[in-house]
Amino acid sequence: MKKDSLKEFCRAVKKYKSYYLSCHITPEGDAIGSILAMESLLRRLGKKTFVVCEDAFPERLRCLSDKRWNQLKNLKKPAPSCEAIVIADCPTLERIGTVKNLIKPQTVIFNIDHHISNRRFGQHNYIRPEAAASGEVVMDIFKYFKMPLNKEEATNLYVALTTDTGSFKYSNTTVHSHQMAAELIATGIDIEKINEKLYATYSLNKINLYSRLLSRVKTAAGGKIAWAVLKRDDLHHSGATYEDTEGFIDFLKYLKEVKIAFFMSELENGHSVKVSFRSKFDYDVNKIATCFKGGGHRKASGCTIRATVEEAEK
């Protein structure tokens, strides 16, 4: 039987009674929506669950419920012992950060993803690189169990899908993506309210930050490459947060001549830099990210470089 088959994966899910659920550091809509939906599915199957992530629940995703979200460093007591862990939207196990410390030799790993660079690190992997979002992969699991979606689950999956397709603008959007969106909308979710909370809530601090970043956009290769660098001081002067940088890279990608864009964020320790890559047409930025031990998709990838921001930029 194919290792990544849905049937094999779901049969294995039934075997265990307790699950951690986690996703990558600095989680975005697809990671969080996928994990929350999957956690609800497991509870409906009678499993015990515990969602745990290295980072806090993002403010910009308050259209989703954070009531079951646990940030590892803020736990008031040790995490409960679980037989298995479901990890979503992570090409490598290292991307879950310090949550990896919860995984014991006997912990069974379930790996759900859509990244072409996924290293199939689980005992059970369900990877669909052709899917626009990990939310699409989770939707398959709901259908296997013949489990109708409630509104909260549908909202989670809609956010996963719309954020990873850029509101259905990116080239990863497929016919299946639109069909899935139609199924989710048919549950009665309020997409106007969801999109208002996702995209129409810029703070003045965020606008001040964008003003600083836009003033020092750099280009190379005749304008075909564009990038910008966030330094820790930018957050101090603007009053913004790292979360406020979400989406800035689109300003770079939408420049007319640009084929490849990247955005660099100096992290709090001053010795590491997070880099996000985007591309147009046939340029494959996953290959660039992989050179720096990162990964993702052809047109959207990322990595973390252990260096000062000046060294990383070079």
Protein backbone atom coordinates (compact mmCIF):
# COMPACT_ATOMS: atom_id res chain seq x y z
CA MET A 1 0.00 0.00 0.00
CA LYS A 2 1.23 3.48 -0.81
CA LYS A 3 2.91 5.03 2.22
CA ASP A 4 1.08 8.34 1.82
CA SER A 5 -2.36 6.84 1.21
CA LEU A 6 -5.32 8.47 2.93
CA LYS A 7 -6.79 5.10 3.88
CA GLU A 8 -3.64 3.91 5.65
CA PHE A 9 -3.23 7.25 7.43
CA CYS A 10 -6.81 7.34 8.72
CA ARG A 11 -6.76 3.72 9.83
CA ALA A 12 -3.69 4.52 11.91
CA VAL A 13 -5.40 7.58 13.42
CA LYS A 14 -8.04 5.29 14.93
CA LYS A 15 -5.46 3.28 16.88
CA TYR A 16 -4.35 5.86 19.43
CA LYS A 17 -6.26 7.45 22.28
CA SER A 18 -4.37 10.70 22.93
CA TYR A 19 -2.77 13.27 20.65
CA TYR A 20 -0.64 16.38 20.76
CA LEU A 21 -1.26 18.69 17.81
CA SER A 22 1.30 21.20 16.63
CA CYS A 23 2.46 23.27 13.68
CA HIS A 24 5.44 25.38 12.67
CA ILE A 25 6.88 28.32 14.57
CA THR A 26 5.35 31.75 13.81
CA PRO A 27 2.18 30.03 12.56
CA GLU A 28 -0.08 31.58 9.91
CA GLY A 29 -3.62 30.89 8.76
CA ASP A 30 -3.08 27.55 7.06
CA ALA A 31 -1.09 26.05 9.94
CA ILE A 32 -3.53 27.22 12.61
CA GLY A 33 -6.71 26.51 10.66
CA SER A 34 -5.50 23.01 9.80
CA ILE A 35 -4.50 22.17 13.37
CA LEU A 36 -7.72 23.49 14.92
CA ALA A 37 -9.88 21.60 12.43
CA MET A 38 -7.89 18.40 12.90
CA GLU A 39 -8.09 18.73 16.69
CA SER A 40 -11.88 19.02 16.47
CA LEU A 41 -12.03 15.92 14.25
CA LEU A 42 -9.99 13.92 16.75
CA ARG A 43 -12.21 14.96 19.64
CA ARG A 44 -15.27 13.90 17.63
CA LEU A 45 -13.58 10.52 17.21
CA GLY A 46 -13.35 10.27 21.01
CA LYS A 47 -9.64 11.08 21.30
CA LYS A 48 -7.96 13.17 23.99
CA THR A 49 -6.16 16.16 22.49
CA PHE A 50 -3.71 18.88 23.44
CA VAL A 51 -2.79 21.67 21.03
CA VAL A 52 0.67 23.08 21.73
CA CYS A 53 2.86 25.44 19.73
CA GLU A 54 6.09 27.32 20.40
CA ASP A 55 4.47 30.68 19.60
CA ALA A 56 1.40 32.58 20.71
CA PHE A 57 -1.86 32.64 18.80
CA PRO A 58 -1.59 35.52 16.25
CA GLU A 59 -3.75 38.55 16.92
CA ARG A 60 -4.63 38.82 13.23
CA LEU A 61 -6.37 35.43 13.33
CA ARG A 62 -8.91 36.30 16.01
CA CYS A 63 -11.65 35.23 13.62
CA LEU A 64 -10.68 31.75 14.88
CA SER A 65 -10.98 30.51 18.44
CA ASP A 66 -7.83 30.27 20.56
CA LYS A 67 -9.55 28.58 23.51
CA ARG A 68 -7.72 25.28 22.94
CA TRP A 69 -4.38 26.84 21.96
CA ASN A 70 -1.43 26.41 24.33
CA GLN A 71 1.89 28.20 23.99
CA LEU A 72 4.59 25.89 25.28
CA LYS A 73 6.47 28.40 27.43
CA ASN A 74 3.27 29.63 29.10
CA LEU A 75 2.06 26.25 30.32
CA LYS A 76 1.30 26.43 34.05
CA LYS A 77 1.85 22.69 34.43
CA PRO A 78 3.63 20.06 32.31
CA ALA A 79 1.90 19.04 29.10
CA PRO A 80 -0.09 15.81 29.47
CA SER A 81 1.47 12.63 28.18
CA CYS A 82 0.14 11.64 24.74
CA GLU A 83 0.63 8.53 22.61
CA ALA A 84 0.89 10.40 19.31
CA ILE A 85 1.35 13.82 17.74
CA VAL A 86 -0.24 15.34 14.64
CA ILE A 87 1.98 17.90 12.96
CA ALA A 88 0.52 20.03 10.18
CA ASP A 89 2.06 22.31 7.56
CA CYS A 90 5.69 21.48 8.47
CA PRO A 91 8.18 20.31 5.83
CA THR A 92 10.61 19.25 8.57
CA LEU A 93 10.24 18.16 12.18
CA GLU A 94 12.61 20.93 13.28
CA ARG A 95 10.05 23.56 12.21
CA ILE A 96 7.93 22.91 15.32
CA GLY A 97 10.73 24.38 17.42
CA THR A 98 10.95 23.48 21.10
CA VAL A 99 7.70 21.48 20.94
CA LYS A 100 9.95 18.76 19.56
CA ASN A 101 11.08 18.15 23.14
CA LEU A 102 7.65 16.68 23.94
CA ILE A 103 8.24 13.89 21.45
CA LYS A 104 9.52 10.72 23.12
CA PRO A 105 11.01 7.69 21.33
CA GLN A 106 7.64 5.93 21.63
CA THR A 107 5.56 8.92 20.39
CA VAL A 108 3.91 8.13 17.05
CA ILE A 109 4.18 11.01 14.56
CA PHE A 110 1.39 11.83 12.08
CA ASN A 111 2.59 14.24 9.40
CA ILE A 112 0.02 16.26 7.38
CA ASP A 113 1.32 18.67 4.77
CA HIS A 114 1.27 20.07 1.25
CA HIS A 115 4.88 21.29 0.93
CA ILE A 116 6.81 19.69 -1.92
CA SER A 117 9.89 19.82 0.32
CA ASN A 118 8.29 17.72 3.09
CA ARG A 119 10.77 15.11 4.34
CA ARG A 120 8.14 12.56 5.40
CA PHE A 121 9.44 12.47 8.96
CA GLY A 122 6.40 10.73 10.44
CA GLN A 123 5.58 7.10 10.99
CA HIS A 124 2.38 8.05 9.17
CA ASN A 125 2.51 10.69 6.42
CA TYR A 126 -0.28 12.15 4.33
CA ILE A 127 1.38 14.64 1.99
CA ARG A 128 -0.30 16.22 -1.04
CA PRO A 129 2.07 18.67 -2.79
CA GLU A 130 -0.62 19.42 -5.38
CA ALA A 131 -2.93 20.80 -2.66
CA ALA A 132 -3.12 24.58 -2.31
CA ALA A 133 -3.07 24.40 1.49
CA SER A 134 -2.71 21.91 4.31
CA GLY A 135 -6.37 22.72 4.98
CA GLU A 136 -7.22 20.87 1.77
CA VAL A 137 -5.37 17.82 3.10
CA VAL A 138 -7.30 17.96 6.39
CA MET A 139 -10.54 18.24 4.41
CA ASP A 140 -9.71 14.86 2.82
CA ILE A 141 -9.52 13.34 6.29
CA PHE A 142 -12.96 14.69 7.25
CA LYS A 143 -14.38 13.16 4.07
CA TYR A 144 -12.74 9.80 4.73
CA PHE A 145 -14.48 9.62 8.10
CA LYS A 146 -17.74 10.83 6.48
CA MET A 147 -17.83 13.58 9.09
CA PRO A 148 -19.96 16.63 8.15
CA LEU A 149 -18.24 19.90 9.05
CA ASN A 150 -19.70 22.16 11.70
CA LYS A 151 -19.37 25.93 11.27
CA GLU A 152 -16.30 26.25 13.48
CA GLU A 153 -14.44 23.54 11.56
CA ALA A 154 -15.50 25.07 8.25
CA THR A 155 -14.26 28.48 9.39
CA ASN A 156 -10.90 26.97 10.36
CA LEU A 157 -10.51 25.32 6.98
CA TYR A 158 -11.72 28.37 5.05
CA VAL A 159 -9.08 30.53 6.76
CA ALA A 160 -6.45 27.87 5.98
CA LEU A 161 -7.43 27.88 2.32
CA THR A 162 -7.94 31.59 1.71
CA THR A 163 -4.72 32.67 3.43
CA ASP A 164 -2.49 30.16 1.63
CA THR A 165 -3.99 31.00 -1.76
CA GLY A 166 -3.78 34.76 -1.19
CA SER A 167 -7.58 35.02 -1.28
CA PHE A 168 -7.50 32.70 -4.32
CA LYS A 169 -5.09 34.98 -6.23
CA TYR A 170 -1.97 32.80 -6.14
CA SER A 171 -1.11 30.28 -8.84
CA ASN A 172 -1.53 27.38 -6.39
CA THR A 173 -5.30 27.98 -6.55
CA THR A 174 -7.02 25.14 -8.40
CA VAL A 175 -10.50 24.08 -9.41
CA HIS A 176 -10.48 21.88 -6.32
CA SER A 177 -9.68 24.89 -4.15
CA HIS A 178 -12.77 26.71 -5.37
CA GLN A 179 -14.89 23.59 -5.00
CA MET A 180 -13.68 23.19 -1.43
CA ALA A 181 -14.41 26.87 -0.72
CA ALA A 182 -17.95 26.38 -2.03
CA GLU A 183 -18.47 23.40 0.29
CA LEU A 184 -17.22 25.40 3.26
CA ILE A 185 -19.40 28.42 2.44
CA ALA A 186 -22.39 26.08 2.12
CA THR A 187 -22.12 25.31 5.85
CA GLY A 188 -23.28 28.86 6.54
CA ILE A 189 -20.03 30.52 7.59
CA ASP A 190 -19.91 34.32 7.36
CA ILE A 191 -17.12 34.93 4.83
CA GLU A 192 -17.62 38.71 4.87
CA LYS A 193 -16.97 38.77 8.62
CA ILE A 194 -14.02 36.39 8.28
CA ASN A 195 -12.37 38.43 5.52
CA GLU A 196 -13.00 41.69 7.37
CA LYS A 197 -11.12 40.35 10.38
CA LEU A 198 -8.35 38.85 8.26
CA TYR A 199 -7.60 41.72 5.92
CA ALA A 200 -9.24 44.97 7.04
CA THR A 201 -7.72 45.51 10.45
CA TYR A 202 -4.50 47.50 9.92
CA SER A 203 -3.33 49.41 12.96
CA LEU A 204 -1.64 52.80 12.69
CA ASN A 205 1.51 51.18 14.10
CA LYS A 206 1.50 48.69 11.22
CA ILE A 207 1.14 51.48 8.67
CA ASN A 208 4.03 53.35 10.31
CA LEU A 209 6.14 50.20 10.06
CA TYR A 210 5.26 49.72 6.40
CA SER A 211 6.23 53.34 5.74
CA ARG A 212 9.69 52.70 7.16
CA LEU A 213 10.14 49.48 5.18
CA LEU A 214 8.87 50.90 1.89
CA SER A 215 11.33 53.77 2.14
CA ARG A 216 14.28 51.39 1.85
CA VAL A 217 13.23 48.72 -0.63
CA LYS A 218 16.26 47.52 -2.61
CA THR A 219 16.41 45.99 -6.08
CA ALA A 220 18.92 44.12 -8.21
CA ALA A 221 19.14 42.46 -11.64
CA GLY A 222 17.50 45.37 -13.38
CA GLY A 223 14.62 45.42 -10.92
CA LYS A 224 13.81 41.73 -11.27
CA ILE A 225 14.79 41.06 -7.64
CA ALA A 226 13.46 43.17 -4.76
CA TRP A 227 13.90 42.92 -1.02
CA ALA A 228 13.60 44.77 2.26
CA VAL A 229 15.09 44.25 5.69
CA LEU A 230 13.35 44.60 9.03
CA LYS A 231 15.59 45.48 11.98
CA ARG A 232 14.55 45.18 15.59
CA ASP A 233 14.73 48.98 15.94
CA ASP A 234 11.96 49.32 13.34
CA LEU A 235 9.53 47.68 15.73
CA HIS A 236 10.62 49.96 18.57
CA HIS A 237 10.24 53.15 16.52
CA SER A 238 6.90 52.21 14.94
CA GLY A 239 5.30 50.49 17.92
CA ALA A 240 4.54 47.51 15.68
CA THR A 241 5.19 43.79 16.24
CA TYR A 242 6.69 40.98 14.19
CA GLU A 243 3.15 39.87 13.48
CA ASP A 244 2.51 43.20 11.75
CA THR A 245 5.04 42.31 9.04
CA GLU A 246 2.73 39.56 7.74
CA GLY A 247 1.86 40.39 4.15
CA PHE A 248 4.51 43.04 3.58
CA ILE A 249 6.31 40.84 1.08
CA ASP A 250 3.32 41.19 -1.26
CA PHE A 251 4.23 44.85 -1.76
CA LEU A 252 7.58 43.70 -3.11
CA LYS A 253 6.19 40.90 -5.25
CA TYR A 254 3.61 43.16 -6.88
CA LEU A 255 6.24 45.57 -8.23
CA LYS A 256 5.84 45.41 -11.98
CA GLU A 257 9.33 44.24 -12.96
CA VAL A 258 9.92 41.92 -10.01
CA LYS A 259 10.29 38.18 -10.57
CA ILE A 260 11.68 37.24 -7.13
CA ALA A 261 11.11 39.05 -3.84
CA PHE A 262 12.36 38.36 -0.35
CA PHE A 263 11.79 39.90 3.05
CA MET A 264 14.26 39.60 5.90
CA SER A 265 13.37 39.94 9.59
CA GLU A 266 16.06 40.32 12.23
CA LEU A 267 14.94 38.14 15.13
CA GLU A 268 14.98 39.17 18.77
CA ASN A 269 18.30 37.46 19.55
CA GLY A 270 20.11 39.58 16.95
CA HIS A 271 21.93 36.52 15.63
CA SER A 272 19.26 34.98 13.39
CA VAL A 273 17.24 36.25 10.44
CA LYS A 274 13.96 34.90 9.13
CA VAL A 275 13.67 35.13 5.35
CA SER A 276 10.49 34.81 3.27
CA PHE A 277 10.70 34.30 -0.49
CA ARG A 278 8.07 34.85 -3.19
CA SER A 279 8.27 34.49 -6.97
CA LYS A 280 6.30 34.96 -10.15
CA PHE A 281 6.02 32.79 -13.24
CA ASP A 282 8.45 29.83 -13.38
CA TYR A 283 11.01 30.93 -10.81
CA ASP A 284 11.45 28.33 -8.05
CA VAL A 285 12.28 29.96 -4.70
CA ASN A 286 12.01 26.63 -2.89
CA LYS A 287 15.44 25.85 -4.36
CA ILE A 288 16.84 29.03 -2.81
CA ALA A 289 15.29 28.33 0.60
CA THR A 290 16.58 24.77 0.53
CA CYS A 291 20.14 26.10 0.18
CA PHE A 292 19.66 27.66 3.62
CA LYS A 293 18.04 24.54 5.14
CA GLY A 294 14.54 25.93 4.65
CA GLY A 295 11.84 25.03 2.18
CA GLY A 296 8.25 25.41 1.13
CA HIS A 297 6.81 25.77 -2.36
CA ARG A 298 8.04 26.85 -5.78
CA LYS A 299 6.56 30.31 -5.38
CA ALA A 300 6.51 30.76 -1.59
CA SER A 301 9.26 29.50 0.69
CA GLY A 302 11.24 30.50 3.73
CA CYS A 303 14.25 29.81 5.90
CA THR A 304 16.09 31.03 8.97
CA ILE A 305 19.73 32.06 8.66
CA ARG A 306 21.92 32.03 11.76
CA ALA A 307 23.82 35.27 11.18
CA THR A 308 23.57 38.99 11.79
CA VAL A 309 21.15 40.78 9.52
CA GLU A 310 24.05 42.37 7.60
CA GLU A 311 25.71 38.99 7.02
CA ALA A 312 22.44 37.34 6.02
CA GLU A 313 21.61 40.09 3.54
CA LYS A 314 24.94 39.56 1.75
